[in-house]
C-alpha cells in the first residue's frame, strides 16, 4: 500500500471527530435560545439544510477543480456559527474523497483505498461522541478544543500532502499525468 494513503486516512480521522460530535452540542445551543420540544427540534434543521446545500456546492467545485471565542451564554451568536460550522464540516468529505481518488493511478487502488479511507475515518467519530461532556455544558471546552486540535492536524496534513504532490509533479515529464493538488 502506498504510504500517502496513510496520510489521507489520518486526514479522514481528523475531520470525522467534528463530523460526529457537532450533533451532540447542537441541542445545548438550541435550548439556550429558549426553545423546547418540537420547536427546538425544528431549530436543529437549518444548519443541516445549509450543510446539504454547501456540501453539494463544495462537491461540485471539487469535482470541477480538484484543487474569536464566544462566551458560552452567547447562544444567538453560537447558533449563527453553528449554521456555518455544520455545512463546512459535512462539505469536507466529498472534497477530500475527490482529492484521494484523483491521486490514485488505477481502478484497483481506488476500489481498496476509498472504502478503507472511509472505514478508518470512523475512528474519529468514536472520539467525537465522547468529547462533549454534559458536566462542561454550555461551554464544552474539552469538545471544542479537541475538535480544534483535530481540525488543525487535518489542515497540517493537507499542507503536507500538497507539498508531497507538488514535489512529485516537479519530477514528472510533460507527458506524465500530474498529481492533483
N, C-alpha and C. Protein backbone atom coordinates (compact mmCIF):
# COMPACT_ATOMS: atom_id res chain seq x y z
N UNK A 1 0.84 -1.18 0.00
CA UNK A 1 0.00 0.00 0.00
C UNK A 1 0.89 1.24 0.00
N UNK A 2 0.50 2.22 -0.78
CA UNK A 2 1.24 3.48 -0.88
C UNK A 2 1.15 4.23 0.44
N UNK A 3 2.28 4.71 0.95
CA UNK A 3 2.33 5.38 2.25
C UNK A 3 1.52 6.66 2.29
N UNK A 4 1.28 7.30 1.12
CA UNK A 4 0.46 8.52 1.08
C UNK A 4 -0.96 8.25 1.58
N UNK A 5 -1.43 7.02 1.37
CA UNK A 5 -2.78 6.68 1.80
C UNK A 5 -2.93 6.81 3.31
N UNK A 6 -1.85 6.53 4.04
CA UNK A 6 -1.91 6.69 5.50
C UNK A 6 -2.16 8.15 5.88
N UNK A 7 -1.58 9.08 5.12
CA UNK A 7 -1.85 10.50 5.39
C UNK A 7 -3.30 10.83 5.08
N UNK A 8 -3.82 10.29 3.98
CA UNK A 8 -5.23 10.51 3.66
C UNK A 8 -6.13 9.90 4.75
N UNK A 9 -5.75 8.75 5.29
CA UNK A 9 -6.54 8.12 6.35
C UNK A 9 -6.50 8.96 7.62
N UNK A 10 -5.32 9.48 7.97
CA UNK A 10 -5.21 10.35 9.15
C UNK A 10 -6.05 11.60 8.96
N UNK A 11 -6.09 12.12 7.75
CA UNK A 11 -6.91 13.28 7.44
C UNK A 11 -8.39 12.95 7.63
N UNK A 12 -8.79 11.78 7.20
CA UNK A 12 -10.18 11.35 7.37
C UNK A 12 -10.55 11.27 8.84
N UNK A 13 -9.65 10.75 9.66
CA UNK A 13 -9.91 10.70 11.10
C UNK A 13 -10.01 12.10 11.67
N UNK A 14 -9.15 13.00 11.22
CA UNK A 14 -9.11 14.35 11.82
C UNK A 14 -10.41 15.12 11.60
N UNK A 15 -11.04 14.96 10.45
CA UNK A 15 -12.28 15.71 10.26
C UNK A 15 -13.52 14.96 10.75
N UNK A 16 -13.43 13.65 10.92
CA UNK A 16 -14.62 12.91 11.35
C UNK A 16 -14.94 13.13 12.83
N UNK A 17 -13.99 13.63 13.60
CA UNK A 17 -14.28 13.98 15.00
C UNK A 17 -15.35 15.08 15.03
N UNK A 18 -15.13 16.14 14.27
CA UNK A 18 -16.11 17.22 14.20
C UNK A 18 -17.41 16.74 13.56
N UNK A 19 -17.28 15.91 12.56
CA UNK A 19 -18.43 15.38 11.83
C UNK A 19 -19.40 14.68 12.78
N UNK A 20 -18.86 13.88 13.71
CA UNK A 20 -19.73 13.12 14.60
C UNK A 20 -20.14 13.88 15.85
N UNK A 21 -19.33 14.82 16.30
CA UNK A 21 -19.62 15.46 17.58
C UNK A 21 -20.50 16.69 17.46
N UNK A 22 -20.60 17.26 16.27
CA UNK A 22 -21.36 18.51 16.13
C UNK A 22 -22.82 18.35 16.53
N UNK A 23 -23.38 17.18 16.27
CA UNK A 23 -24.79 16.97 16.62
C UNK A 23 -24.99 16.82 18.13
N UNK A 24 -23.91 16.59 18.86
CA UNK A 24 -24.04 16.40 20.30
C UNK A 24 -24.16 17.71 21.09
N UNK A 25 -23.57 18.79 20.58
CA UNK A 25 -23.72 20.05 21.30
C UNK A 25 -24.76 20.97 20.67
N UNK A 26 -25.31 20.60 19.52
CA UNK A 26 -26.37 21.38 18.90
C UNK A 26 -27.57 21.58 19.82
N UNK A 27 -28.06 20.54 20.52
CA UNK A 27 -29.21 20.75 21.41
C UNK A 27 -28.96 21.79 22.51
N UNK A 28 -27.75 21.89 23.00
CA UNK A 28 -27.45 22.88 24.03
C UNK A 28 -27.59 24.29 23.48
N UNK A 29 -27.11 24.50 22.27
CA UNK A 29 -27.22 25.82 21.65
C UNK A 29 -28.68 26.17 21.42
N UNK A 30 -29.44 25.23 20.88
CA UNK A 30 -30.85 25.48 20.59
C UNK A 30 -31.64 25.69 21.87
N UNK A 31 -31.40 24.89 22.90
CA UNK A 31 -32.13 25.09 24.16
C UNK A 31 -31.71 26.39 24.82
N UNK A 32 -30.49 26.83 24.58
CA UNK A 32 -30.04 28.13 25.10
C UNK A 32 -30.78 29.30 24.47
N UNK A 33 -31.35 29.08 23.31
CA UNK A 33 -32.18 30.10 22.66
C UNK A 33 -33.56 30.18 23.30
N UNK A 34 -33.86 29.23 24.19
CA UNK A 34 -35.14 29.23 24.90
C UNK A 34 -36.20 28.33 24.30
N UNK A 35 -35.83 27.50 23.33
CA UNK A 35 -36.81 26.63 22.69
C UNK A 35 -36.79 25.24 23.33
N UNK A 36 -37.95 24.58 23.29
CA UNK A 36 -38.08 23.24 23.84
C UNK A 36 -38.93 22.39 22.92
N UNK A 37 -38.85 21.09 23.09
CA UNK A 37 -39.71 20.16 22.38
C UNK A 37 -39.55 20.21 20.87
N UNK A 38 -40.71 20.18 20.19
CA UNK A 38 -40.72 20.14 18.74
C UNK A 38 -40.10 21.39 18.12
N UNK A 39 -40.35 22.54 18.72
CA UNK A 39 -39.78 23.79 18.20
C UNK A 39 -38.25 23.72 18.26
N UNK A 40 -37.71 23.19 19.37
CA UNK A 40 -36.26 23.04 19.49
C UNK A 40 -35.74 22.09 18.42
N UNK A 41 -36.45 21.01 18.16
CA UNK A 41 -36.04 20.08 17.11
C UNK A 41 -36.04 20.76 15.75
N UNK A 42 -37.04 21.60 15.50
CA UNK A 42 -37.10 22.31 14.22
C UNK A 42 -35.93 23.26 14.04
N UNK A 43 -35.45 23.83 15.13
CA UNK A 43 -34.30 24.74 15.03
C UNK A 43 -32.98 24.01 14.78
N UNK A 44 -32.96 22.69 14.89
CA UNK A 44 -31.75 21.95 14.52
C UNK A 44 -31.70 21.69 13.02
N UNK A 45 -32.80 21.94 12.32
CA UNK A 45 -32.86 21.66 10.88
C UNK A 45 -32.05 22.65 10.03
N UNK A 46 -32.14 23.97 10.24
CA UNK A 46 -31.45 24.90 9.34
C UNK A 46 -29.94 24.64 9.16
N UNK A 47 -29.17 24.35 10.22
CA UNK A 47 -27.74 24.09 9.96
C UNK A 47 -27.52 22.90 9.03
N UNK A 48 -28.36 21.87 9.16
CA UNK A 48 -28.21 20.69 8.30
C UNK A 48 -28.73 20.95 6.90
N UNK A 49 -29.75 21.79 6.76
CA UNK A 49 -30.23 22.16 5.43
C UNK A 49 -29.17 22.98 4.71
N UNK A 50 -28.54 23.89 5.45
CA UNK A 50 -27.44 24.67 4.87
C UNK A 50 -26.29 23.73 4.52
N UNK A 51 -26.03 22.76 5.40
CA UNK A 51 -24.96 21.78 5.15
C UNK A 51 -25.20 21.03 3.85
N UNK A 52 -26.44 20.68 3.59
CA UNK A 52 -26.78 19.97 2.36
C UNK A 52 -26.40 20.81 1.14
N UNK A 53 -26.81 22.07 1.14
CA UNK A 53 -26.54 22.95 0.00
C UNK A 53 -25.03 23.20 -0.14
N UNK A 54 -24.36 23.50 0.97
CA UNK A 54 -22.92 23.77 0.91
C UNK A 54 -22.16 22.52 0.49
N UNK A 55 -22.56 21.35 0.98
CA UNK A 55 -21.89 20.11 0.61
C UNK A 55 -22.02 19.86 -0.90
N UNK A 56 -23.20 20.08 -1.44
CA UNK A 56 -23.37 19.92 -2.89
C UNK A 56 -22.50 20.91 -3.65
N UNK A 57 -22.46 22.16 -3.19
CA UNK A 57 -21.65 23.17 -3.86
C UNK A 57 -20.16 22.84 -3.79
N UNK A 58 -19.69 22.47 -2.60
CA UNK A 58 -18.27 22.15 -2.42
C UNK A 58 -17.90 20.91 -3.24
N UNK A 59 -18.77 19.90 -3.22
CA UNK A 59 -18.51 18.69 -4.00
C UNK A 59 -18.46 19.01 -5.50
N UNK A 60 -19.37 19.86 -5.94
CA UNK A 60 -19.40 20.27 -7.35
C UNK A 60 -18.11 21.01 -7.70
N UNK A 61 -17.68 21.93 -6.84
CA UNK A 61 -16.45 22.67 -7.07
C UNK A 61 -15.23 21.74 -7.06
N UNK A 62 -15.22 20.80 -6.13
CA UNK A 62 -14.10 19.86 -6.05
C UNK A 62 -14.03 19.01 -7.31
N UNK A 63 -15.19 18.59 -7.79
CA UNK A 63 -15.23 17.79 -8.99
C UNK A 63 -14.75 18.61 -10.19
N UNK A 64 -15.08 19.89 -10.18
CA UNK A 64 -14.71 20.79 -11.26
C UNK A 64 -13.23 21.15 -11.23
N UNK A 65 -12.69 21.41 -10.05
CA UNK A 65 -11.34 21.95 -9.93
C UNK A 65 -10.33 21.01 -9.31
N UNK A 66 -10.76 20.13 -8.46
CA UNK A 66 -9.90 19.24 -7.67
C UNK A 66 -8.77 20.05 -7.01
N UNK A 67 -8.92 20.97 -6.77
CA UNK A 67 -7.87 21.78 -6.05
C UNK A 67 -8.36 22.58 -4.72
N UNK A 68 -12.07 33.86 16.93
CA UNK A 68 -12.53 34.61 18.14
C UNK A 68 -13.32 33.75 19.15
N UNK A 69 -13.32 33.64 20.14
CA UNK A 69 -14.01 32.80 21.14
C UNK A 69 -15.25 33.55 21.66
N UNK A 70 -16.37 32.85 21.67
CA UNK A 70 -17.62 33.44 22.18
C UNK A 70 -17.88 32.97 23.61
N UNK A 71 -18.51 33.81 24.40
CA UNK A 71 -18.90 33.34 25.74
C UNK A 71 -19.91 32.20 25.62
N UNK A 72 -19.90 31.29 26.58
CA UNK A 72 -20.76 30.11 26.50
C UNK A 72 -22.25 30.47 26.53
N UNK A 73 -22.61 31.64 27.01
CA UNK A 73 -24.02 32.03 27.08
C UNK A 73 -24.48 32.83 25.85
N UNK A 74 -23.63 33.03 24.86
CA UNK A 74 -23.98 33.79 23.65
C UNK A 74 -24.64 32.85 22.64
N UNK A 75 -25.83 32.37 22.99
CA UNK A 75 -26.48 31.33 22.18
C UNK A 75 -26.88 31.80 20.79
N UNK A 76 -27.28 33.05 20.62
CA UNK A 76 -27.66 33.52 19.28
C UNK A 76 -26.45 33.53 18.36
N UNK A 77 -25.33 34.04 18.84
CA UNK A 77 -24.12 34.05 18.02
C UNK A 77 -23.63 32.63 17.77
N UNK A 78 -23.71 31.79 18.79
CA UNK A 78 -23.27 30.41 18.64
C UNK A 78 -24.16 29.67 17.64
N UNK A 79 -25.46 29.96 17.64
CA UNK A 79 -26.35 29.33 16.68
C UNK A 79 -26.00 29.77 15.26
N UNK A 80 -25.72 31.05 15.08
CA UNK A 80 -25.30 31.55 13.77
C UNK A 80 -24.04 30.85 13.29
N UNK A 81 -23.07 30.68 14.19
CA UNK A 81 -21.84 29.99 13.83
C UNK A 81 -22.08 28.49 13.60
N UNK A 82 -23.06 27.94 14.31
CA UNK A 82 -23.42 26.54 14.08
C UNK A 82 -23.91 26.35 12.64
N UNK A 83 -24.67 27.34 12.16
CA UNK A 83 -25.16 27.29 10.78
C UNK A 83 -24.02 27.38 9.76
N UNK A 84 -22.87 27.89 10.19
CA UNK A 84 -21.69 27.92 9.33
C UNK A 84 -20.87 26.64 9.51
N UNK A 85 -20.72 26.19 10.75
CA UNK A 85 -19.86 25.04 11.05
C UNK A 85 -20.40 23.73 10.48
N UNK A 86 -21.69 23.51 10.62
CA UNK A 86 -22.27 22.24 10.15
C UNK A 86 -22.06 22.05 8.65
N UNK A 87 -22.38 23.04 7.83
CA UNK A 87 -22.19 22.81 6.39
C UNK A 87 -20.75 22.51 6.00
N UNK A 88 -19.82 23.26 6.57
CA UNK A 88 -18.43 23.04 6.18
C UNK A 88 -17.87 21.76 6.77
N UNK A 89 -18.39 21.34 7.92
CA UNK A 89 -17.97 20.06 8.47
C UNK A 89 -18.39 18.93 7.54
N UNK A 90 -19.61 19.00 7.03
CA UNK A 90 -20.10 17.96 6.13
C UNK A 90 -19.50 18.09 4.73
N UNK A 91 -19.15 19.30 4.33
CA UNK A 91 -18.64 19.52 2.98
C UNK A 91 -17.20 19.03 2.81
N UNK A 92 -16.51 18.75 3.89
CA UNK A 92 -15.12 18.31 3.80
C UNK A 92 -15.01 16.95 3.12
N UNK A 93 -15.92 16.04 3.45
CA UNK A 93 -15.77 14.67 2.97
C UNK A 93 -15.74 14.54 1.44
N UNK A 94 -16.69 15.08 0.70
CA UNK A 94 -16.62 14.91 -0.76
C UNK A 94 -15.35 15.53 -1.35
N UNK A 95 -14.93 16.65 -0.79
CA UNK A 95 -13.74 17.31 -1.28
C UNK A 95 -12.50 16.43 -1.10
N UNK A 96 -12.33 15.88 0.10
CA UNK A 96 -11.15 15.06 0.38
C UNK A 96 -11.21 13.71 -0.33
N UNK A 97 -12.40 13.14 -0.45
CA UNK A 97 -12.50 11.87 -1.18
C UNK A 97 -12.23 12.06 -2.67
N UNK A 98 -12.65 13.20 -3.22
CA UNK A 98 -12.34 13.50 -4.62
C UNK A 98 -10.84 13.66 -4.81
N UNK A 99 -10.19 14.32 -3.85
CA UNK A 99 -8.74 14.51 -3.92
C UNK A 99 -8.01 13.17 -3.85
N UNK A 100 -8.48 12.32 -2.95
CA UNK A 100 -7.87 10.98 -2.83
C UNK A 100 -8.00 10.21 -4.13
N UNK A 101 -9.21 10.13 -4.67
CA UNK A 101 -9.41 9.33 -5.89
C UNK A 101 -8.70 9.94 -7.10
N UNK A 102 -8.57 11.26 -7.13
CA UNK A 102 -7.86 11.91 -8.25
C UNK A 102 -6.38 11.56 -8.24
N UNK A 103 -5.86 11.15 -7.09
CA UNK A 103 -4.44 10.84 -6.99
C UNK A 103 -4.15 9.34 -6.89
N UNK A 104 -5.11 8.54 -7.26
CA UNK A 104 -4.89 7.10 -7.35
C UNK A 104 -4.71 6.76 -8.82
N UNK A 105 -3.83 5.84 -9.11
CA UNK A 105 -3.46 5.58 -10.50
C UNK A 105 -4.18 4.40 -11.14
N UNK A 106 -4.98 3.66 -10.38
CA UNK A 106 -5.65 2.52 -11.00
C UNK A 106 -7.02 2.30 -10.35
N UNK A 107 -7.87 1.57 -11.06
CA UNK A 107 -9.18 1.23 -10.53
C UNK A 107 -9.04 0.34 -9.31
N UNK A 108 -8.08 -0.58 -9.34
CA UNK A 108 -7.87 -1.46 -8.18
C UNK A 108 -7.51 -0.66 -6.94
N UNK A 109 -6.64 0.33 -7.10
CA UNK A 109 -6.25 1.15 -5.97
C UNK A 109 -7.45 1.93 -5.43
N UNK A 110 -8.28 2.43 -6.32
CA UNK A 110 -9.47 3.17 -5.90
C UNK A 110 -10.45 2.27 -5.16
N UNK A 111 -10.63 1.04 -5.68
CA UNK A 111 -11.56 0.10 -5.04
C UNK A 111 -11.13 -0.26 -3.63
N UNK A 112 -9.86 -0.22 -3.34
CA UNK A 112 -9.37 -0.53 -2.00
C UNK A 112 -9.24 0.73 -1.14
N UNK A 113 -8.67 1.77 -1.69
CA UNK A 113 -8.35 2.96 -0.90
C UNK A 113 -9.59 3.72 -0.43
N UNK A 114 -10.60 3.84 -1.27
CA UNK A 114 -11.78 4.64 -0.91
C UNK A 114 -12.55 4.04 0.27
N UNK A 115 -12.96 2.77 0.22
CA UNK A 115 -13.67 2.22 1.38
C UNK A 115 -12.77 2.13 2.62
N UNK A 116 -11.48 1.89 2.40
CA UNK A 116 -10.55 1.84 3.53
C UNK A 116 -10.44 3.21 4.19
N UNK A 117 -10.40 4.26 3.38
CA UNK A 117 -10.32 5.62 3.92
C UNK A 117 -11.57 5.95 4.73
N UNK A 118 -12.73 5.62 4.21
CA UNK A 118 -13.98 5.90 4.92
C UNK A 118 -14.04 5.09 6.21
N UNK A 119 -13.64 3.83 6.15
CA UNK A 119 -13.68 2.97 7.34
C UNK A 119 -12.72 3.45 8.42
N UNK A 120 -11.50 3.76 8.04
CA UNK A 120 -10.51 4.22 9.02
C UNK A 120 -10.93 5.56 9.61
N UNK A 121 -11.54 6.40 8.80
CA UNK A 121 -12.01 7.70 9.28
C UNK A 121 -13.04 7.60 10.39
N UNK A 122 -13.73 6.47 10.46
CA UNK A 122 -14.74 6.30 11.52
C UNK A 122 -14.12 6.31 12.91
N UNK A 123 -12.84 6.07 13.02
CA UNK A 123 -12.17 6.15 14.32
C UNK A 123 -12.32 7.54 14.92
N UNK A 124 -12.31 8.55 14.08
CA UNK A 124 -12.53 9.92 14.55
C UNK A 124 -13.93 10.11 15.11
N UNK A 125 -14.89 9.40 14.55
CA UNK A 125 -16.26 9.52 15.08
C UNK A 125 -16.37 8.89 16.45
N UNK A 126 -15.58 7.88 16.71
CA UNK A 126 -15.57 7.28 18.05
C UNK A 126 -15.08 8.32 19.05
N UNK A 127 -14.04 9.05 18.69
CA UNK A 127 -13.55 10.13 19.55
C UNK A 127 -14.62 11.19 19.71
N UNK A 128 -15.25 11.56 18.60
CA UNK A 128 -16.22 12.66 18.60
C UNK A 128 -17.39 12.48 19.54
N UNK A 129 -17.84 11.26 19.76
CA UNK A 129 -19.02 11.08 20.61
C UNK A 129 -18.71 11.17 22.09
N UNK A 130 -17.43 11.20 22.46
CA UNK A 130 -17.06 11.25 23.87
C UNK A 130 -16.49 12.59 24.33
N UNK A 131 -16.32 13.54 23.44
CA UNK A 131 -15.62 14.77 23.84
C UNK A 131 -16.54 15.86 24.37
N UNK A 132 -17.83 15.78 24.13
CA UNK A 132 -18.77 16.77 24.66
C UNK A 132 -19.39 16.23 25.93
N UNK A 133 -18.82 16.63 27.05
CA UNK A 133 -19.24 16.13 28.35
C UNK A 133 -20.34 17.01 28.92
N UNK A 134 -21.43 16.39 29.37
CA UNK A 134 -22.56 17.17 29.90
C UNK A 134 -22.15 18.01 31.10
N UNK A 135 -21.15 17.59 31.84
CA UNK A 135 -20.70 18.35 33.00
C UNK A 135 -20.03 19.67 32.60
N UNK A 136 -19.65 19.81 31.34
CA UNK A 136 -18.99 21.04 30.87
C UNK A 136 -19.93 21.98 30.12
N UNK A 137 -21.22 21.65 30.08
CA UNK A 137 -22.20 22.49 29.39
C UNK A 137 -22.30 23.84 30.09
N UNK A 138 -22.59 24.91 29.40
CA UNK A 138 -22.81 25.01 27.96
C UNK A 138 -21.55 25.36 27.18
N UNK A 139 -20.40 25.52 27.84
CA UNK A 139 -19.18 25.93 27.14
C UNK A 139 -18.46 24.83 26.41
N UNK A 140 -18.49 23.60 26.94
CA UNK A 140 -17.86 22.43 26.33
C UNK A 140 -16.41 22.66 25.90
N UNK A 141 -15.54 23.11 26.80
CA UNK A 141 -14.15 23.37 26.38
C UNK A 141 -13.44 22.13 25.86
N UNK A 142 -13.65 20.98 26.48
CA UNK A 142 -12.98 19.76 26.01
C UNK A 142 -13.40 19.45 24.57
N UNK A 143 -14.69 19.52 24.31
CA UNK A 143 -15.18 19.22 22.96
C UNK A 143 -14.66 20.19 21.92
N UNK A 144 -14.74 21.48 22.22
CA UNK A 144 -14.32 22.48 21.24
C UNK A 144 -12.81 22.44 21.00
N UNK A 145 -12.03 22.31 22.07
CA UNK A 145 -10.57 22.28 21.89
C UNK A 145 -10.12 20.98 21.22
N UNK A 146 -10.79 19.88 21.51
CA UNK A 146 -10.44 18.62 20.84
C UNK A 146 -10.76 18.71 19.35
N UNK A 147 -11.93 19.26 19.02
CA UNK A 147 -12.29 19.47 17.61
C UNK A 147 -11.26 20.37 16.94
N UNK A 148 -10.92 21.46 17.59
CA UNK A 148 -9.95 22.40 17.01
C UNK A 148 -8.61 21.70 16.76
N UNK A 149 -8.17 20.89 17.71
CA UNK A 149 -6.89 20.20 17.56
C UNK A 149 -6.93 19.23 16.39
N UNK A 150 -8.01 18.47 16.27
CA UNK A 150 -8.11 17.52 15.16
C UNK A 150 -8.21 18.24 13.82
N UNK A 151 -8.95 19.34 13.77
CA UNK A 151 -9.07 20.08 12.52
C UNK A 151 -7.76 20.76 12.15
N UNK A 152 -7.02 21.24 13.14
CA UNK A 152 -5.70 21.81 12.88
C UNK A 152 -4.75 20.73 12.36
N UNK A 153 -4.79 19.56 12.98
CA UNK A 153 -3.97 18.44 12.49
C UNK A 153 -4.35 18.11 11.05
N UNK A 154 -5.64 18.13 10.75
CA UNK A 154 -6.08 17.87 9.38
C UNK A 154 -5.54 18.91 8.41
N UNK A 155 -5.54 20.18 8.82
CA UNK A 155 -5.01 21.24 7.96
C UNK A 155 -3.52 21.04 7.70
N UNK A 156 -2.78 20.63 8.73
CA UNK A 156 -1.35 20.36 8.57
C UNK A 156 -1.14 19.19 7.60
N UNK A 157 -1.97 18.16 7.72
CA UNK A 157 -1.85 17.01 6.81
C UNK A 157 -2.16 17.42 5.37
N UNK A 158 -3.16 18.29 5.18
CA UNK A 158 -3.48 18.78 3.84
C UNK A 158 -2.27 19.51 3.25
N UNK A 159 -1.65 20.37 4.05
CA UNK A 159 -0.47 21.11 3.56
C UNK A 159 0.68 20.16 3.24
N UNK A 160 0.86 19.13 4.06
CA UNK A 160 1.90 18.14 3.83
C UNK A 160 1.64 17.37 2.53
N UNK A 161 0.41 16.91 2.35
CA UNK A 161 0.06 16.18 1.12
C UNK A 161 0.24 17.07 -0.11
N UNK A 162 -0.16 18.32 0.01
CA UNK A 162 0.00 19.26 -1.11
C UNK A 162 1.49 19.42 -1.46
N UNK A 163 2.33 19.54 -0.45
CA UNK A 163 3.77 19.66 -0.69
C UNK A 163 4.32 18.39 -1.35
N UNK A 164 3.84 17.24 -0.90
CA UNK A 164 4.29 15.96 -1.48
C UNK A 164 3.90 15.88 -2.95
N UNK A 165 2.64 16.22 -3.27
CA UNK A 165 2.18 16.15 -4.66
C UNK A 165 2.90 17.19 -5.53
N UNK A 166 3.15 18.37 -4.99
CA UNK A 166 3.87 19.40 -5.73
C UNK A 166 5.28 18.92 -6.07
N UNK A 167 5.95 18.34 -5.08
CA UNK A 167 7.31 17.83 -5.29
C UNK A 167 7.32 16.71 -6.32
N UNK A 168 6.35 15.81 -6.24
CA UNK A 168 6.27 14.72 -7.21
C UNK A 168 6.01 15.25 -8.62
N UNK A 169 5.18 16.29 -8.74
CA UNK A 169 4.88 16.85 -10.06
C UNK A 169 6.12 17.45 -10.72
N UNK A 170 7.00 18.04 -9.91
CA UNK A 170 8.23 18.63 -10.47
C UNK A 170 9.11 17.59 -11.14
N UNK A 171 9.06 16.36 -10.67
CA UNK A 171 9.93 15.32 -11.22
C UNK A 171 9.31 14.60 -12.43
N UNK A 172 8.09 14.94 -12.77
CA UNK A 172 7.42 14.27 -13.90
C UNK A 172 7.76 14.96 -15.22
N UNK A 173 7.72 14.20 -16.28
CA UNK A 173 7.90 14.80 -17.60
C UNK A 173 6.59 15.45 -18.04
N UNK A 174 6.64 16.19 -19.11
CA UNK A 174 5.45 16.89 -19.60
C UNK A 174 4.34 15.91 -19.98
N UNK A 175 4.71 14.74 -20.47
CA UNK A 175 3.72 13.75 -20.92
C UNK A 175 3.09 12.96 -19.76
N UNK A 176 3.70 12.97 -18.58
CA UNK A 176 3.17 12.21 -17.45
C UNK A 176 1.93 12.86 -16.86
N UNK A 177 1.07 12.03 -16.32
CA UNK A 177 -0.14 12.51 -15.64
C UNK A 177 0.26 13.15 -14.31
N UNK A 178 -0.11 14.40 -14.12
CA UNK A 178 0.26 15.13 -12.91
C UNK A 178 -0.58 14.69 -11.72
N UNK A 179 0.01 14.81 -10.53
CA UNK A 179 -0.72 14.57 -9.28
C UNK A 179 -1.60 15.79 -9.03
N UNK A 180 -2.83 15.57 -8.57
CA UNK A 180 -3.77 16.65 -8.34
C UNK A 180 -3.46 17.35 -7.01
N UNK A 181 -3.41 18.67 -7.05
CA UNK A 181 -3.15 19.45 -5.84
C UNK A 181 -4.47 19.87 -5.24
